[in-house]
């Protein structure tokens, strides 16, 4: 099966729907950056979707985040002390948090994480493998300005590096139903063509320092400090 996937990947690594490769981040200095996507991200409503394999952490490990400054950011990360995945909407210095309390650190499995935000309904939600794990209706803080940075694998301050595998990371400027993002007992769905998709990095290239954007928006990501390309995929 792997040989078949590898053969198919030679045709077009950017458009292959199945996961041939993923990246492994070392938790020390490796990450991906796609700052150009920030012009398409809506702070009013949106969705993060990503597959991760969480390895051991000794500090918080950031999975995905867009931010303007320390008071205005939208973050998904592994919280080391509590061993949970947290999603934070921070606007004007006021933070609202939802969390997955299942401990998936170092369990050896790939997991799908999705989170959405909507400032009109003041709602955050987070899902683990298609199951709603937490939601909040707390009034969200007013996001000041627009995001200027977007990173996968760090907190943009040369710290908070994620340790583990990352595959099929996507960001939308709309709330996306979980049924469009995840199906039980299936490999990652091909999200190409879904409404509101503004950044989609399958990490299917297998070599190099560029992760191509499969959203059609041209927001390619640059890989820093040589993350490993791996064939251990979701």
Foldseek 3Di string as FASTA:
>chain_A
DLVVVVVVCVVPLLPDFFAQKWFFFAQQFKWKWQLVLQVLADLAKKKKKWKWQAEQDPAKKWFKKFADDPQAIWTWIQGRVQQWIKTWGGARNDIDIDIANDRRYHPPDIWMKMWMAHQVQCKIWIDIQLHTRDMDRPHHYHHPDTTRIMMGADDVPSHNGTGTIIFWIWMFNHDDRSVLFHDPPDFTGRNAPDPRTRFIFGLRNQDDQWGAGRNPNGRIMGIPPDTHMDRPGD
